[in-house]
Amino acid sequence: MKNILVIYYSQTGQLKNILNSILEPLNPKTYNIDYKEIKPSKPYKFPWSAENFFEVFPNSKSGISCKLEPMSFENTEKYDLIILGLQVWYLEASIPVSSFLKSKYAKILNGKNIITVYGVRNMWINAHQTVKKLIYKQNGNYLGNIVLADRHNNLISVLTIVRWLIHNKKNKGKLLPAAGISKKEIFEAKKFSPLISKALQKNSFNNLQKELLKKGAISVDYHIMKTEFAGSKIFNIWTSIILNKSKTNSKKRKLLLKLFEFYLYFVIFVISPISSIVFKLIRLLFHKKTEKEILRQTSF
């Protein structure tokens, strides 16, 4: 019997569906799977209000933790694999997940084989770099990564994600497609199960990520990656200004967040389409160089 521990935070339920799809094919006679949900002491309500959606920005980007409900793990030595499921908030791991990784509960990762599973809109590499460091800080063996993303155009996915997270309208509308990762892609995530099973049965994870990549575990658009990196640098500036120049719930904080909101939409709908064209041309002209950069940024 092989034992798997799944640690996750899923605000909308989409990520939990992804994890279930990946693990469902595993025979319960051969695998024991324990789920442990990360629960903030003060839950992040869904759907968000427009105000709350932006209020979490500075804490998320700067890695400020929230208080978590107590977590307990019994017989921790039994686990052959830990799967960490996470979302991305403002180009970083969601506050509940980053809080877990910095907490005393993350000691469970010490010496364990770990796979991450992301459910994202389209930007996740910056979060991956942070999560990787936190896993290694806990002495975890980071061995695999699976990323399921919204495959719609960047601008379309912004509209659908806002429509979903703030207005709780996920289904296809008159003008917009359904929000989030497609049901088809979530269903097809089952294809990763045999690879995970093979690695567990052989107790060998050396080639797991290579095999996962062959099955499409990661897909990176160079122009999205570069846009993310540029955005992360500017987000850091905004975060510094907001945290250093205002207090939580103050009028000044609300004003700064409103200015950030206007800035964000301006960049997304005016600047990013232009920069995407530039980065696509760079990708076309310097394919080998950009391929190496992608590999470097997504490696372990």
C-alpha atoms as a PDB file:
ATOM      1  CA  MET A   1       0.000   0.000   0.000  1.00  0.00           C
ATOM      2  CA  LYS A   2       1.328   3.405  -1.047  1.00  0.00           C
ATOM      3  CA  ASN A   3       0.283   6.497   0.878  1.00  0.00           C
ATOM      4  CA  ILE A   4      -0.363   9.904  -0.679  1.00  0.00           C
ATOM      5  CA  LEU A   5      -1.083  13.123   1.184  1.00  0.00           C
ATOM      6  CA  VAL A   6      -2.850  15.918  -0.712  1.00  0.00           C
ATOM      7  CA  ILE A   7      -2.499  19.378   0.832  1.00  0.00           C
ATOM      8  CA  TYR A   8      -4.499  22.065  -0.928  1.00  0.00           C
ATOM      9  CA  TYR A   9      -6.443  25.303  -0.838  1.00  0.00           C
ATOM     10  CA  SER A  10      -9.293  25.646  -3.314  1.00  0.00           C
ATOM     11  CA  GLN A  11     -11.419  28.757  -2.967  1.00  0.00           C
ATOM     12  CA  THR A  12     -13.784  28.060  -5.878  1.00  0.00           C
ATOM     13  CA  GLY A  13     -13.574  24.262  -5.887  1.00  0.00           C
ATOM     14  CA  GLN A  14     -11.902  24.142  -9.304  1.00  0.00           C
ATOM     15  CA  LEU A  15      -8.532  23.056  -7.954  1.00  0.00           C
ATOM     16  CA  LYS A  16     -10.128  20.300  -5.864  1.00  0.00           C
ATOM     17  CA  ASN A  17     -11.763  19.004  -9.057  1.00  0.00           C
ATOM     18  CA  ILE A  18      -8.364  18.952 -10.778  1.00  0.00           C
ATOM     19  CA  LEU A  19      -6.792  17.013  -7.915  1.00  0.00           C
ATOM     20  CA  ASN A  20      -9.689  14.549  -7.874  1.00  0.00           C
ATOM     21  CA  SER A  21      -9.349  14.000 -11.615  1.00  0.00           C
ATOM     22  CA  ILE A  22      -5.618  13.279 -11.372  1.00  0.00           C
ATOM     23  CA  LEU A  23      -5.990  10.872  -8.459  1.00  0.00           C
ATOM     24  CA  GLU A  24      -9.305   9.177  -9.250  1.00  0.00           C
ATOM     25  CA  PRO A  25      -7.779   6.420 -11.433  1.00  0.00           C
ATOM     26  CA  LEU A  26      -5.520   5.213  -8.603  1.00  0.00           C
ATOM     27  CA  ASN A  27      -6.761   1.892  -7.253  1.00  0.00           C
ATOM     28  CA  PRO A  28      -7.903   2.287  -3.607  1.00  0.00           C
ATOM     29  CA  LYS A  29      -6.619  -1.235  -2.934  1.00  0.00           C
ATOM     30  CA  THR A  30      -3.130  -0.051  -3.816  1.00  0.00           C
ATOM     31  CA  TYR A  31      -3.210   3.593  -2.763  1.00  0.00           C
ATOM     32  CA  ASN A  32      -4.366   5.307   0.381  1.00  0.00           C
ATOM     33  CA  ILE A  33      -5.028   9.000  -0.297  1.00  0.00           C
ATOM     34  CA  ASP A  34      -5.512  11.513   2.520  1.00  0.00           C
ATOM     35  CA  TYR A  35      -6.756  15.038   1.791  1.00  0.00           C
ATOM     36  CA  LYS A  36      -5.825  17.919   4.064  1.00  0.00           C
ATOM     37  CA  GLU A  37      -7.394  21.291   3.286  1.00  0.00           C
ATOM     38  CA  ILE A  38      -5.620  24.517   4.249  1.00  0.00           C
ATOM     39  CA  LYS A  39      -8.195  26.673   6.044  1.00  0.00           C
ATOM     40  CA  PRO A  40      -7.624  30.338   6.908  1.00  0.00           C
ATOM     41  CA  SER A  41      -8.980  31.271  10.353  1.00  0.00           C
ATOM     42  CA  LYS A  42     -10.807  34.102   8.627  1.00  0.00           C
ATOM     43  CA  PRO A  43     -12.058  32.582   5.347  1.00  0.00           C
ATOM     44  CA  TYR A  44     -11.687  34.447   2.074  1.00  0.00           C
ATOM     45  CA  LYS A  45     -15.275  34.741   0.929  1.00  0.00           C
ATOM     46  CA  PHE A  46     -16.360  33.642  -2.506  1.00  0.00           C
ATOM     47  CA  PRO A  47     -17.478  35.355  -4.582  1.00  0.00           C
ATOM     48  CA  TRP A  48     -15.227  38.278  -3.785  1.00  0.00           C
ATOM     49  CA  SER A  49     -16.487  41.800  -3.454  1.00  0.00           C
ATOM     50  CA  ALA A  50     -14.633  44.128  -5.822  1.00  0.00           C
ATOM     51  CA  GLU A  51     -13.075  45.871  -2.817  1.00  0.00           C
ATOM     52  CA  ASN A  52     -11.894  42.682  -1.089  1.00  0.00           C
ATOM     53  CA  PHE A  53     -10.494  41.349  -4.344  1.00  0.00           C
ATOM     54  CA  PHE A  54      -7.973  44.181  -4.478  1.00  0.00           C
ATOM     55  CA  GLU A  55      -7.422  44.429  -0.710  1.00  0.00           C
ATOM     56  CA  VAL A  56      -5.478  41.161  -0.701  1.00  0.00           C
ATOM     57  CA  PHE A  57      -3.051  42.409  -3.365  1.00  0.00           C
ATOM     58  CA  PRO A  58      -0.269  43.907  -1.186  1.00  0.00           C
ATOM     59  CA  ASN A  59      -0.293  41.048   1.332  1.00  0.00           C
ATOM     60  CA  SER A  60      -0.335  38.450  -1.425  1.00  0.00           C
ATOM     61  CA  LYS A  61       2.519  39.994  -3.412  1.00  0.00           C
ATOM     62  CA  SER A  62       4.674  40.652  -0.362  1.00  0.00           C
ATOM     63  CA  GLY A  63       4.074  37.217   1.156  1.00  0.00           C
ATOM     64  CA  ILE A  64       2.384  38.378   4.355  1.00  0.00           C
ATOM     65  CA  SER A  65       0.814  35.349   6.014  1.00  0.00           C
ATOM     66  CA  CYS A  66      -2.691  34.894   7.316  1.00  0.00           C
ATOM     67  CA  LYS A  67      -3.614  32.912  10.412  1.00  0.00           C
ATOM     68  CA  LEU A  68      -4.566  29.313   9.674  1.00  0.00           C
ATOM     69  CA  GLU A  69      -6.854  26.852  11.373  1.00  0.00           C
ATOM     70  CA  PRO A  70      -4.779  24.232  13.244  1.00  0.00           C
ATOM     71  CA  MET A  71      -3.577  21.356  11.075  1.00  0.00           C
ATOM     72  CA  SER A  72      -2.652  17.899  12.325  1.00  0.00           C
ATOM     73  CA  PHE A  73      -0.939  15.047  10.508  1.00  0.00           C
ATOM     74  CA  GLU A  74      -0.943  11.535  11.911  1.00  0.00           C
ATOM     75  CA  ASN A  75       1.843   9.046  11.254  1.00  0.00           C
ATOM     76  CA  THR A  76       3.670  11.442   8.938  1.00  0.00           C
ATOM     77  CA  GLU A  77       6.394   8.944   8.111  1.00  0.00           C
ATOM     78  CA  LYS A  78       3.975   6.779   6.131  1.00  0.00           C
ATOM     79  CA  TYR A  79       3.566   9.164   3.198  1.00  0.00           C
ATOM     80  CA  ASP A  80       5.373   8.178   0.005  1.00  0.00           C
ATOM     81  CA  LEU A  81       4.244  11.302  -1.839  1.00  0.00           C
ATOM     82  CA  ILE A  82       2.824  14.721  -1.010  1.00  0.00           C
ATOM     83  CA  ILE A  83       0.826  16.635  -3.615  1.00  0.00           C
ATOM     84  CA  LEU A  84       0.514  20.362  -2.985  1.00  0.00           C
ATOM     85  CA  GLY A  85      -2.400  21.977  -4.835  1.00  0.00           C
ATOM     86  CA  LEU A  86      -2.425  25.740  -5.222  1.00  0.00           C
ATOM     87  CA  GLN A  87      -3.819  28.785  -6.964  1.00  0.00           C
ATOM     88  CA  VAL A  88      -2.017  32.002  -7.870  1.00  0.00           C
ATOM     89  CA  TRP A  89      -3.041  35.389  -6.488  1.00  0.00           C
ATOM     90  CA  TYR A  90      -1.377  38.456  -7.995  1.00  0.00           C
ATOM     91  CA  LEU A  91       1.519  36.423  -9.430  1.00  0.00           C
ATOM     92  CA  GLU A  92       2.264  34.668  -6.128  1.00  0.00           C
ATOM     93  CA  ALA A  93       0.948  31.555  -4.430  1.00  0.00           C
ATOM     94  CA  SER A  94      -2.386  32.265  -2.762  1.00  0.00           C
ATOM     95  CA  ILE A  95      -2.073  33.673   0.745  1.00  0.00           C
ATOM     96  CA  PRO A  96      -3.370  30.476   2.438  1.00  0.00           C
ATOM     97  CA  VAL A  97      -0.817  28.286   0.621  1.00  0.00           C
ATOM     98  CA  SER A  98       2.133  30.629   1.164  1.00  0.00           C
ATOM     99  CA  SER A  99       1.071  30.914   4.819  1.00  0.00           C
ATOM    100  CA  PHE A 100       1.109  27.131   5.128  1.00  0.00           C
ATOM    101  CA  LEU A 101       4.547  26.868   3.528  1.00  0.00           C
ATOM    102  CA  LYS A 102       5.936  29.351   6.068  1.00  0.00           C
ATOM    103  CA  SER A 103       4.193  27.803   9.061  1.00  0.00           C
ATOM    104  CA  LYS A 104       5.167  25.092  11.511  1.00  0.00           C
ATOM    105  CA  TYR A 105       2.766  22.755   9.686  1.00  0.00           C
ATOM    106  CA  ALA A 106       5.058  22.727   6.653  1.00  0.00           C
ATOM    107  CA  LYS A 107       7.465  20.505   8.583  1.00  0.00           C
ATOM    108  CA  ILE A 108       5.444  17.659   7.061  1.00  0.00           C
ATOM    109  CA  LEU A 109       7.376  18.343   3.821  1.00  0.00           C
ATOM    110  CA  ASN A 110      10.723  17.497   5.384  1.00  0.00           C
ATOM    111  CA  GLY A 111      12.326  14.654   3.424  1.00  0.00           C
ATOM    112  CA  LYS A 112       9.135  13.941   1.463  1.00  0.00           C
ATOM    113  CA  ASN A 113       8.679  13.532  -2.301  1.00  0.00           C
ATOM    114  CA  ILE A 114       6.570  16.447  -3.503  1.00  0.00           C
ATOM    115  CA  ILE A 115       4.568  17.274  -6.624  1.00  0.00           C
ATOM    116  CA  THR A 116       2.813  20.600  -7.123  1.00  0.00           C
ATOM    117  CA  VAL A 117      -0.458  20.985  -9.019  1.00  0.00           C
ATOM    118  CA  TYR A 118      -1.450  24.478 -10.142  1.00  0.00           C
ATOM    119  CA  GLY A 119      -4.881  25.613 -11.284  1.00  0.00           C
ATOM    120  CA  VAL A 120      -4.356  29.068 -12.784  1.00  0.00           C
ATOM    121  CA  ARG A 121      -5.544  31.681 -15.257  1.00  0.00           C
ATOM    122  CA  ASN A 122      -2.281  31.767 -17.213  1.00  0.00           C
ATOM    123  CA  MET A 123       0.562  33.207 -15.105  1.00  0.00           C
ATOM    124  CA  TRP A 124       2.281  30.957 -12.574  1.00  0.00           C
ATOM    125  CA  ILE A 125       6.072  31.002 -13.064  1.00  0.00           C
ATOM    126  CA  ASN A 126       6.797  33.741 -10.547  1.00  0.00           C
ATOM    127  CA  ALA A 127       4.774  31.829  -7.956  1.00  0.00           C
ATOM    128  CA  HIS A 128       6.639  28.647  -8.895  1.00  0.00           C
ATOM    129  CA  GLN A 129       9.968  30.306  -8.112  1.00  0.00           C
ATOM    130  CA  THR A 130       8.724  31.335  -4.664  1.00  0.00           C
ATOM    131  CA  VAL A 131       7.088  27.995  -3.894  1.00  0.00           C
ATOM    132  CA  LYS A 132      10.229  26.154  -4.983  1.00  0.00           C
ATOM    133  CA  LYS A 133      12.348  28.113  -2.489  1.00  0.00           C
ATOM    134  CA  LEU A 134       9.877  27.503   0.327  1.00  0.00           C
ATOM    135  CA  ILE A 135       9.719  23.762  -0.394  1.00  0.00           C
ATOM    136  CA  TYR A 136      13.502  23.494  -0.408  1.00  0.00           C
ATOM    137  CA  LYS A 137      13.638  25.529   2.810  1.00  0.00           C
ATOM    138  CA  GLN A 138      11.539  22.768   4.387  1.00  0.00           C
ATOM    139  CA  ASN A 139      13.945  20.136   2.956  1.00  0.00           C
ATOM    140  CA  GLY A 140      11.315  18.731   0.616  1.00  0.00           C
ATOM    141  CA  ASN A 141      12.218  16.716  -2.481  1.00  0.00           C
ATOM    142  CA  TYR A 142      10.501  18.744  -5.206  1.00  0.00           C
ATOM    143  CA  LEU A 143      10.122  16.276  -8.077  1.00  0.00           C
ATOM    144  CA  GLY A 144       7.202  17.209 -10.320  1.00  0.00           C
ATOM    145  CA  ASN A 145       4.918  19.999 -11.447  1.00  0.00           C
ATOM    146  CA  ILE A 146       1.563  19.952 -13.237  1.00  0.00           C
ATOM    147  CA  VAL A 147      -0.082  23.170 -14.412  1.00  0.00           C
ATOM    148  CA  LEU A 148      -3.621  23.438 -15.723  1.00  0.00           C
ATOM    149  CA  ALA A 149      -4.472  26.868 -17.114  1.00  0.00           C
ATOM    150  CA  ASP A 150      -7.235  28.794 -18.834  1.00  0.00           C
ATOM    151  CA  ARG A 151      -6.434  28.473 -22.561  1.00  0.00           C
ATOM    152  CA  HIS A 152      -8.410  31.492 -23.704  1.00  0.00           C
ATOM    153  CA  ASN A 153      -6.828  34.691 -24.975  1.00  0.00           C
ATOM    154  CA  ASN A 154      -5.241  36.725 -22.181  1.00  0.00           C
ATOM    155  CA  LEU A 155      -7.707  39.607 -22.445  1.00  0.00           C
ATOM    156  CA  ILE A 156     -10.720  37.309 -22.686  1.00  0.00           C
ATOM    157  CA  SER A 157      -9.610  35.352 -19.625  1.00  0.00           C
ATOM    158  CA  VAL A 158      -9.291  38.573 -17.613  1.00  0.00           C
ATOM    159  CA  LEU A 159     -12.922  39.406 -18.366  1.00  0.00           C
ATOM    160  CA  THR A 160     -14.157  35.899 -17.593  1.00  0.00           C
ATOM    161  CA  ILE A 161     -12.187  35.569 -14.353  1.00  0.00           C
ATOM    162  CA  VAL A 162     -13.489  38.908 -13.034  1.00  0.00           C
ATOM    163  CA  ARG A 163     -17.014  37.903 -14.075  1.00  0.00           C
ATOM    164  CA  TRP A 164     -16.589  34.647 -12.159  1.00  0.00           C
ATOM    165  CA  LEU A 165     -14.726  35.726  -9.020  1.00  0.00           C
ATOM    166  CA  ILE A 166     -16.681  38.912  -8.354  1.00  0.00           C
ATOM    167  CA  HIS A 167     -20.067  38.281  -9.969  1.00  0.00           C
ATOM    168  CA  ASN A 168     -20.122  34.477  -9.532  1.00  0.00           C
ATOM    169  CA  LYS A 169     -20.941  33.924 -13.198  1.00  0.00           C
ATOM    170  CA  LYS A 170     -18.807  31.036 -14.412  1.00  0.00           C
ATOM    171  CA  ASN A 171     -20.914  29.645 -17.244  1.00  0.00           C
ATOM    172  CA  LYS A 172     -20.723  30.785 -20.845  1.00  0.00           C
ATOM    173  CA  GLY A 173     -22.475  34.081 -21.486  1.00  0.00           C
ATOM    174  CA  LYS A 174     -23.757  35.794 -24.617  1.00  0.00           C
ATOM    175  CA  LEU A 175     -20.368  37.302 -25.425  1.00  0.00           C
ATOM    176  CA  LEU A 176     -17.893  35.482 -23.192  1.00  0.00           C
ATOM    177  CA  PRO A 177     -16.897  31.813 -22.855  1.00  0.00           C
ATOM    178  CA  ALA A 178     -17.103  29.934 -19.574  1.00  0.00           C
ATOM    179  CA  ALA A 179     -14.547  31.056 -17.024  1.00  0.00           C
ATOM    180  CA  GLY A 180     -11.620  29.040 -15.740  1.00  0.00           C
ATOM    181  CA  ILE A 181     -10.062  25.812 -16.913  1.00  0.00           C
ATOM    182  CA  SER A 182     -12.228  23.829 -19.300  1.00  0.00           C
ATOM    183  CA  LYS A 183     -14.085  20.750 -18.092  1.00  0.00           C
ATOM    184  CA  LYS A 184     -12.411  18.798 -20.872  1.00  0.00           C
ATOM    185  CA  GLU A 185      -8.915  19.679 -19.679  1.00  0.00           C
ATOM    186  CA  ILE A 186      -9.788  18.886 -16.073  1.00  0.00           C
ATOM    187  CA  PHE A 187     -11.180  15.510 -17.134  1.00  0.00           C
ATOM    188  CA  GLU A 188      -8.099  14.763 -19.232  1.00  0.00           C
ATOM    189  CA  ALA A 189      -5.837  15.422 -16.231  1.00  0.00           C
ATOM    190  CA  LYS A 190      -6.371  11.717 -15.525  1.00  0.00           C
ATOM    191  CA  LYS A 191      -3.570  11.105 -18.032  1.00  0.00           C
ATOM    192  CA  PHE A 192      -1.010  12.043 -15.366  1.00  0.00           C
ATOM    193  CA  SER A 193      -2.184   9.340 -12.985  1.00  0.00           C
ATOM    194  CA  PRO A 194      -0.333   6.358 -14.588  1.00  0.00           C
ATOM    195  CA  LEU A 195       2.940   8.306 -14.530  1.00  0.00           C
ATOM    196  CA  ILE A 196       2.587   9.113 -10.852  1.00  0.00           C
ATOM    197  CA  SER A 197       1.607   5.506 -10.142  1.00  0.00           C
ATOM    198  CA  LYS A 198       4.619   4.167 -12.037  1.00  0.00           C
ATOM    199  CA  ALA A 199       7.009   6.403 -10.094  1.00  0.00           C
ATOM    200  CA  LEU A 200       5.461   5.380  -6.791  1.00  0.00           C
ATOM    201  CA  GLN A 201       5.514   1.658  -7.523  1.00  0.00           C
ATOM    202  CA  LYS A 202       9.142   1.783  -8.609  1.00  0.00           C
ATOM    203  CA  ASN A 203       9.974   4.245  -5.845  1.00  0.00           C
ATOM    204  CA  SER A 204      11.880   6.209  -8.473  1.00  0.00           C
ATOM    205  CA  PHE A 205      10.995   9.799  -9.353  1.00  0.00           C
ATOM    206  CA  ASN A 206      14.094  10.687 -11.387  1.00  0.00           C
ATOM    207  CA  ASN A 207      12.269  10.746 -14.721  1.00  0.00           C
ATOM    208  CA  LEU A 208       8.831  11.735 -13.494  1.00  0.00           C
ATOM    209  CA  GLN A 209       8.924  15.357 -14.628  1.00  0.00           C
ATOM    210  CA  LYS A 210      10.238  14.402 -18.069  1.00  0.00           C
ATOM    211  CA  GLU A 211       7.352  11.969 -18.465  1.00  0.00           C
ATOM    212  CA  LEU A 212       4.853  14.536 -17.191  1.00  0.00           C
ATOM    213  CA  LEU A 213       6.156  17.077 -19.700  1.00  0.00           C
ATOM    214  CA  LYS A 214       5.667  14.594 -22.540  1.00  0.00           C
ATOM    215  CA  LYS A 215       2.008  14.415 -21.505  1.00  0.00           C
ATOM    216  CA  GLY A 216       1.686  18.201 -21.526  1.00  0.00           C
ATOM    217  CA  ALA A 217       2.011  18.913 -17.807  1.00  0.00           C
ATOM    218  CA  ILE A 218       3.417  22.376 -18.545  1.00  0.00           C
ATOM    219  CA  SER A 219       2.756  24.709 -21.458  1.00  0.00           C
ATOM    220  CA  VAL A 220       4.486  28.095 -21.498  1.00  0.00           C
ATOM    221  CA  ASP A 221       3.817  31.006 -23.834  1.00  0.00           C
ATOM    222  CA  TYR A 222       6.950  33.133 -23.945  1.00  0.00           C
ATOM    223  CA  HIS A 223       5.041  36.410 -24.287  1.00  0.00           C
ATOM    224  CA  ILE A 224       2.886  35.576 -21.261  1.00  0.00           C
ATOM    225  CA  MET A 225       5.963  34.674 -19.219  1.00  0.00           C
ATOM    226  CA  LYS A 226       7.763  37.920 -20.064  1.00  0.00           C
ATOM    227  CA  THR A 227       4.622  39.943 -19.407  1.00  0.00           C
ATOM    228  CA  GLU A 228       4.373  38.230 -16.023  1.00  0.00           C
ATOM    229  CA  PHE A 229       7.976  39.071 -15.121  1.00  0.00           C
ATOM    230  CA  ALA A 230       7.528  42.711 -16.082  1.00  0.00           C
ATOM    231  CA  GLY A 231       4.271  42.833 -14.138  1.00  0.00           C
ATOM    232  CA  SER A 232       5.862  41.289 -11.060  1.00  0.00           C
ATOM    233  CA  LYS A 233       8.499  44.017 -10.870  1.00  0.00           C
ATOM    234  CA  ILE A 234       5.869  46.751 -11.099  1.00  0.00           C
ATOM    235  CA  PHE A 235       3.627  44.926  -8.607  1.00  0.00           C
ATOM    236  CA  ASN A 236       6.537  45.011  -6.146  1.00  0.00           C
ATOM    237  CA  ILE A 237       6.720  48.791  -6.490  1.00  0.00           C
ATOM    238  CA  TRP A 238       2.990  49.189  -5.943  1.00  0.00           C
ATOM    239  CA  THR A 239       3.144  46.825  -2.957  1.00  0.00           C
ATOM    240  CA  SER A 240       5.926  48.829  -1.351  1.00  0.00           C
ATOM    241  CA  ILE A 241       4.030  52.098  -1.825  1.00  0.00           C
ATOM    242  CA  ILE A 242       0.735  50.720  -0.507  1.00  0.00           C
ATOM    243  CA  LEU A 243       2.216  49.022   2.567  1.00  0.00           C
ATOM    244  CA  ASN A 244       4.611  51.818   3.474  1.00  0.00           C
ATOM    245  CA  LYS A 245       2.321  54.771   2.795  1.00  0.00           C
ATOM    246  CA  SER A 246      -0.970  53.545   4.256  1.00  0.00           C
ATOM    247  CA  LYS A 247      -2.536  51.443   6.990  1.00  0.00           C
ATOM    248  CA  THR A 248      -4.998  48.583   6.602  1.00  0.00           C
ATOM    249  CA  ASN A 249      -8.594  49.762   6.055  1.00  0.00           C
ATOM    250  CA  SER A 250      -7.545  53.415   6.025  1.00  0.00           C
ATOM    251  CA  LYS A 251      -8.938  55.889   3.491  1.00  0.00           C
ATOM    252  CA  LYS A 252      -5.474  56.277   2.030  1.00  0.00           C
ATOM    253  CA  ARG A 253      -5.136  52.492   1.602  1.00  0.00           C
ATOM    254  CA  LYS A 254      -8.471  52.381  -0.219  1.00  0.00           C
ATOM    255  CA  LEU A 255      -7.438  55.261  -2.455  1.00  0.00           C
ATOM    256  CA  LEU A 256      -4.121  53.647  -3.339  1.00  0.00           C
ATOM    257  CA  LEU A 257      -5.820  50.342  -4.090  1.00  0.00           C
ATOM    258  CA  LYS A 258      -8.328  52.104  -6.333  1.00  0.00           C
ATOM    259  CA  LEU A 259      -5.443  53.748  -8.203  1.00  0.00           C
ATOM    260  CA  PHE A 260      -3.801  50.335  -8.511  1.00  0.00           C
ATOM    261  CA  GLU A 261      -7.039  48.912  -9.906  1.00  0.00           C
ATOM    262  CA  PHE A 262      -7.172  51.586 -12.628  1.00  0.00           C
ATOM    263  CA  TYR A 263      -3.498  51.042 -13.374  1.00  0.00           C
ATOM    264  CA  LEU A 264      -3.946  47.265 -13.616  1.00  0.00           C
ATOM    265  CA  TYR A 265      -6.792  47.445 -16.114  1.00  0.00           C
ATOM    266  CA  PHE A 266      -4.915  50.043 -18.164  1.00  0.00           C
ATOM    267  CA  VAL A 267      -1.842  47.821 -18.385  1.00  0.00           C
ATOM    268  CA  ILE A 268      -3.866  44.707 -19.190  1.00  0.00           C
ATOM    269  CA  PHE A 269      -5.996  46.207 -21.933  1.00  0.00           C
ATOM    270  CA  VAL A 270      -3.650  48.857 -23.385  1.00  0.00           C
ATOM    271  CA  ILE A 271      -0.008  48.008 -22.667  1.00  0.00           C
ATOM    272  CA  SER A 272      -0.013  44.199 -22.605  1.00  0.00           C
ATOM    273  CA  PRO A 273      -1.356  43.699 -26.171  1.00  0.00           C
ATOM    274  CA  ILE A 274       1.538  45.797 -27.484  1.00  0.00           C
ATOM    275  CA  SER A 275       4.156  44.078 -25.341  1.00  0.00           C
ATOM    276  CA  SER A 276       2.783  40.667 -26.349  1.00  0.00           C
ATOM    277  CA  ILE A 277       3.459  41.452 -30.010  1.00  0.00           C
ATOM    278  CA  VAL A 278       7.021  42.481 -29.151  1.00  0.00           C
ATOM    279  CA  PHE A 279       7.690  39.324 -27.125  1.00  0.00           C
ATOM    280  CA  LYS A 280       6.175  37.116 -29.841  1.00  0.00           C
ATOM    281  CA  LEU A 281       8.600  38.646 -32.357  1.00  0.00           C
ATOM    282  CA  ILE A 282      11.513  38.047 -29.987  1.00  0.00           C
ATOM    283  CA  ARG A 283      10.393  34.431 -29.601  1.00  0.00           C
ATOM    284  CA  LEU A 284      10.261  34.037 -33.363  1.00  0.00           C
ATOM    285  CA  LEU A 285      13.684  35.592 -33.975  1.00  0.00           C
ATOM    286  CA  PHE A 286      15.527  34.037 -31.028  1.00  0.00           C
ATOM    287  CA  HIS A 287      13.752  30.715 -30.563  1.00  0.00           C
ATOM    288  CA  LYS A 288      16.668  28.731 -29.078  1.00  0.00           C
ATOM    289  CA  LYS A 289      17.581  31.460 -26.616  1.00  0.00           C
ATOM    290  CA  THR A 290      14.002  31.930 -25.453  1.00  0.00           C
ATOM    291  CA  GLU A 291      13.529  28.159 -25.126  1.00  0.00           C
ATOM    292  CA  LYS A 292      16.503  28.006 -22.753  1.00  0.00           C
ATOM    293  CA  GLU A 293      15.019  30.835 -20.711  1.00  0.00           C
ATOM    294  CA  ILE A 294      11.699  29.014 -20.401  1.00  0.00           C
ATOM    295  CA  LEU A 295      13.454  25.835 -19.259  1.00  0.00           C
ATOM    296  CA  ARG A 296      15.507  27.746 -16.711  1.00  0.00           C
ATOM    297  CA  GLN A 297      12.501  29.524 -15.238  1.00  0.00           C
ATOM    298  CA  THR A 298      10.327  26.394 -14.957  1.00  0.00           C
ATOM    299  CA  SER A 299      13.008  24.021 -13.653  1.00  0.00           C
ATOM    300  CA  PHE A 300      13.479  22.726 -10.122  1.00  0.00           C
END
